[in-house]
């Protein structure tokens, strides 16, 4: 958040903005965490912080010269967003693995999701589910619909480029894919 604030101050074409309002998981629509799991980490409730299959696929793809992709889980992203900086390098990835192990050991899946949904960047200067719901849809995060939740999840790969309230055809396509994956997830229980 600090890095983004400095970037905003240094770029005269960007407005300086900081929207953030922490809310408990009970005050976030279950549609949103379902959409985020469908979009970002479908094995979130099954793994211990690392999706080894996704990591292997990412390594193979990166080695073969395909577009660089990561194998990050929601737990990895939470560790990065809470404790580290955004740049990609081996030091940061090593520290991210260390913090991922710690949060998976000490926090429940529900707590990891609560922290993730409160710190994730969802737009330029917009952090967390409550701020995104208010800015983009004029309502609290608890009242987000399935469609709105899927739009928010659809922009997470690049929230500085895309907006859920002004979706491109690509974002609408991602929204449809996320909605289908939400249906395929089955029962989700963050308390297990």
Protein backbone atom coordinates (compact mmCIF):
# COMPACT_ATOMS: atom_id res chain seq x y z
CA UNK A 1 0.00 0.00 0.00
CA UNK A 2 2.87 2.32 0.80
CA UNK A 3 4.60 1.55 -2.49
CA UNK A 4 1.38 2.24 -4.43
CA UNK A 5 0.89 5.53 -2.55
CA UNK A 6 4.39 6.66 -3.55
CA UNK A 7 3.72 5.60 -7.16
CA UNK A 8 0.52 7.66 -7.14
CA UNK A 9 2.34 10.70 -5.78
CA UNK A 10 5.10 10.44 -8.37
CA UNK A 11 2.76 9.99 -11.34
CA UNK A 12 0.90 13.21 -12.18
CA UNK A 13 -1.61 11.27 -14.32
CA UNK A 14 -2.85 9.28 -11.31
CA UNK A 15 -5.00 10.54 -8.47
CA UNK A 16 -3.76 9.97 -4.94
CA UNK A 17 -6.35 7.68 -3.39
CA UNK A 18 -6.51 5.37 -0.41
CA UNK A 19 -9.75 3.48 0.20
CA UNK A 20 -9.66 0.77 2.86
CA UNK A 21 -12.10 -0.41 5.49
CA UNK A 22 -11.39 -3.68 7.31
CA UNK A 23 -14.43 -5.90 7.85
CA UNK A 24 -14.79 -9.29 9.46
CA UNK A 25 -15.38 -12.29 7.19
CA UNK A 26 -18.98 -12.43 8.46
CA UNK A 27 -19.50 -9.02 6.82
CA UNK A 28 -18.28 -10.15 3.41
CA UNK A 29 -20.62 -11.89 1.00
CA UNK A 30 -19.89 -15.62 0.74
CA UNK A 31 -20.25 -15.07 -3.02
CA UNK A 32 -17.03 -13.05 -2.94
CA UNK A 33 -14.83 -15.63 -1.27
CA UNK A 34 -16.41 -18.30 -3.45
CA UNK A 35 -15.61 -16.21 -6.56
CA UNK A 36 -12.04 -15.58 -5.41
CA UNK A 37 -11.46 -19.28 -4.75
CA UNK A 38 -12.97 -20.14 -8.17
CA UNK A 39 -10.76 -17.56 -9.91
CA UNK A 40 -7.50 -17.68 -7.98
CA UNK A 41 -7.08 -20.96 -6.09
CA UNK A 42 -9.60 -23.76 -6.52
CA UNK A 43 -7.61 -26.03 -4.19
CA UNK A 44 -7.45 -23.43 -1.38
CA UNK A 45 -9.28 -25.59 1.16
CA UNK A 46 -7.27 -28.71 0.26
CA UNK A 47 -3.64 -27.57 0.18
CA UNK A 48 -1.35 -26.42 2.96
CA UNK A 49 -0.35 -23.18 1.26
CA UNK A 50 1.30 -24.58 -1.85
CA UNK A 51 -0.35 -26.03 -4.95
CA UNK A 52 2.52 -28.24 -6.11
CA UNK A 53 0.74 -29.23 -9.32
CA UNK A 54 0.24 -25.55 -10.31
CA UNK A 55 3.84 -24.77 -9.40
CA UNK A 56 5.06 -27.66 -11.59
CA UNK A 57 2.90 -26.50 -14.53
CA UNK A 58 4.15 -22.92 -14.11
CA UNK A 59 7.78 -24.06 -14.08
CA UNK A 60 7.28 -26.19 -17.19
CA UNK A 61 5.50 -23.38 -19.00
CA UNK A 62 8.12 -20.82 -18.02
CA UNK A 63 10.93 -23.17 -19.13
CA UNK A 64 9.31 -23.73 -22.53
CA UNK A 65 9.19 -19.97 -23.13
CA UNK A 66 5.46 -19.50 -22.64
CA UNK A 67 4.13 -16.34 -21.04
CA UNK A 68 5.37 -16.21 -17.43
CA UNK A 69 2.79 -17.58 -15.04
CA UNK A 70 2.97 -18.20 -11.36
CA UNK A 71 1.59 -20.97 -9.22
CA UNK A 72 0.60 -18.68 -6.34
CA UNK A 73 -2.13 -19.68 -3.96
CA UNK A 74 -4.36 -17.37 -1.92
CA UNK A 75 -2.09 -18.16 1.04
CA UNK A 76 1.01 -17.11 -0.98
CA UNK A 77 -0.68 -13.89 -2.06
CA UNK A 78 -1.75 -13.14 1.51
CA UNK A 79 1.82 -13.64 2.76
CA UNK A 80 3.15 -11.36 0.02
CA UNK A 81 0.52 -8.64 0.54
CA UNK A 82 0.81 -8.57 4.33
CA UNK A 83 4.53 -9.05 4.89
CA UNK A 84 6.45 -8.36 1.68
CA UNK A 85 6.82 -6.17 -1.42
CA UNK A 86 5.32 -6.68 -4.91
CA UNK A 87 8.45 -7.16 -7.06
CA UNK A 88 9.22 -10.64 -8.37
CA UNK A 89 12.61 -11.97 -7.35
CA UNK A 90 14.01 -15.08 -5.69
CA UNK A 91 14.54 -13.42 -2.30
CA UNK A 92 10.92 -12.31 -2.14
CA UNK A 93 9.70 -15.73 -3.31
CA UNK A 94 11.79 -17.43 -0.61
CA UNK A 95 10.42 -15.15 2.10
CA UNK A 96 6.92 -15.61 0.70
CA UNK A 97 7.28 -19.39 1.08
CA UNK A 98 8.45 -18.93 4.69
CA UNK A 99 5.54 -16.63 5.60
CA UNK A 100 3.08 -18.89 3.75
CA UNK A 101 4.22 -21.82 5.87
CA UNK A 102 3.76 -19.74 9.03
CA UNK A 103 0.29 -18.43 8.23
CA UNK A 104 -0.89 -21.89 7.16
CA UNK A 105 0.43 -23.28 10.46
CA UNK A 106 -0.96 -20.57 12.76
CA UNK A 107 -4.08 -19.29 10.95
CA UNK A 108 -7.25 -21.08 9.92
CA UNK A 109 -8.38 -21.01 6.29
CA UNK A 110 -11.13 -18.64 7.40
CA UNK A 111 -8.56 -16.22 8.86
CA UNK A 112 -6.36 -16.43 5.75
CA UNK A 113 -9.38 -15.61 3.58
CA UNK A 114 -10.45 -12.76 5.87
CA UNK A 115 -6.99 -11.18 5.74
CA UNK A 116 -6.69 -11.75 1.98
CA UNK A 117 -10.06 -10.13 1.27
CA UNK A 118 -9.14 -7.13 3.42
CA UNK A 119 -5.67 -6.41 2.00
CA UNK A 120 -5.87 -7.40 -1.66
CA UNK A 121 -5.53 -4.54 -4.12
CA UNK A 122 -8.79 -4.23 -6.03
CA UNK A 123 -8.11 -1.00 -7.89
CA UNK A 124 -5.80 2.01 -7.86
CA UNK A 125 -5.73 2.91 -4.17
CA UNK A 126 -8.62 0.56 -3.40
CA UNK A 127 -7.83 -2.20 -0.90
CA UNK A 128 -10.11 -4.90 0.38
CA UNK A 129 -13.61 -6.17 -0.21
CA UNK A 130 -15.46 -3.40 1.62
CA UNK A 131 -13.70 -0.58 -0.22
CA UNK A 132 -14.23 -2.32 -3.59
CA UNK A 133 -17.91 -2.96 -2.90
CA UNK A 134 -18.48 0.65 -1.85
CA UNK A 135 -16.47 2.26 -4.69
CA UNK A 136 -17.62 0.01 -7.54
CA UNK A 137 -21.17 -0.95 -6.53
CA UNK A 138 -22.20 1.55 -3.80
CA UNK A 139 -23.01 -1.13 -1.25
CA UNK A 140 -21.37 -3.00 1.63
CA UNK A 141 -19.34 -6.11 0.88
CA UNK A 142 -21.95 -8.21 2.71
CA UNK A 143 -24.49 -7.38 -0.01
CA UNK A 144 -22.41 -8.27 -3.09
CA UNK A 145 -24.25 -10.51 -5.55
CA UNK A 146 -22.75 -13.52 -7.33
CA UNK A 147 -22.33 -11.48 -10.52
CA UNK A 148 -20.67 -8.51 -8.74
CA UNK A 149 -18.40 -10.86 -6.79
CA UNK A 150 -17.33 -12.61 -9.99
CA UNK A 151 -16.57 -9.23 -11.61
CA UNK A 152 -14.36 -8.24 -8.67
CA UNK A 153 -12.55 -11.59 -8.82
CA UNK A 154 -12.17 -11.23 -12.60
CA UNK A 155 -10.05 -8.07 -12.29
CA UNK A 156 -7.70 -9.36 -9.56
CA UNK A 157 -4.91 -10.37 -11.95
CA UNK A 158 -4.50 -6.69 -12.88
CA UNK A 159 -6.67 -4.31 -10.83
CA UNK A 160 -4.76 -1.26 -12.10
CA UNK A 161 -5.79 -2.09 -15.68
CA UNK A 162 -9.37 -3.35 -15.25
CA UNK A 163 -12.40 -2.22 -13.24
CA UNK A 164 -15.34 -4.39 -12.18
CA UNK A 165 -17.79 -1.54 -12.72
CA UNK A 166 -16.56 -0.98 -16.30
CA UNK A 167 -15.92 -4.51 -17.54
CA UNK A 168 -14.36 -5.12 -20.93
CA UNK A 169 -15.43 -8.07 -23.08
CA UNK A 170 -12.42 -9.94 -21.70
CA UNK A 171 -13.52 -9.29 -18.09
CA UNK A 172 -17.10 -10.35 -18.95
CA UNK A 173 -15.65 -13.58 -20.33
CA UNK A 174 -13.64 -14.13 -17.15
CA UNK A 175 -16.75 -13.37 -15.10
CA UNK A 176 -18.64 -16.12 -16.95
CA UNK A 177 -15.79 -18.58 -16.43
CA UNK A 178 -15.66 -17.70 -12.70
CA UNK A 179 -19.43 -18.09 -12.31
CA UNK A 180 -19.23 -21.57 -13.88
CA UNK A 181 -16.32 -22.51 -11.60
CA UNK A 182 -18.24 -21.23 -8.57
CA UNK A 183 -20.95 -23.76 -9.41
CA UNK A 184 -18.35 -26.54 -9.70
CA UNK A 185 -16.76 -25.91 -6.28
CA UNK A 186 -19.43 -27.71 -4.30
CA UNK A 187 -19.81 -27.00 -0.61
CA UNK A 188 -17.23 -24.63 0.87
CA UNK A 189 -16.53 -24.59 4.59
CA UNK A 190 -13.79 -22.20 5.64
CA UNK A 191 -14.04 -23.39 9.24
CA UNK A 192 -12.66 -26.90 8.66
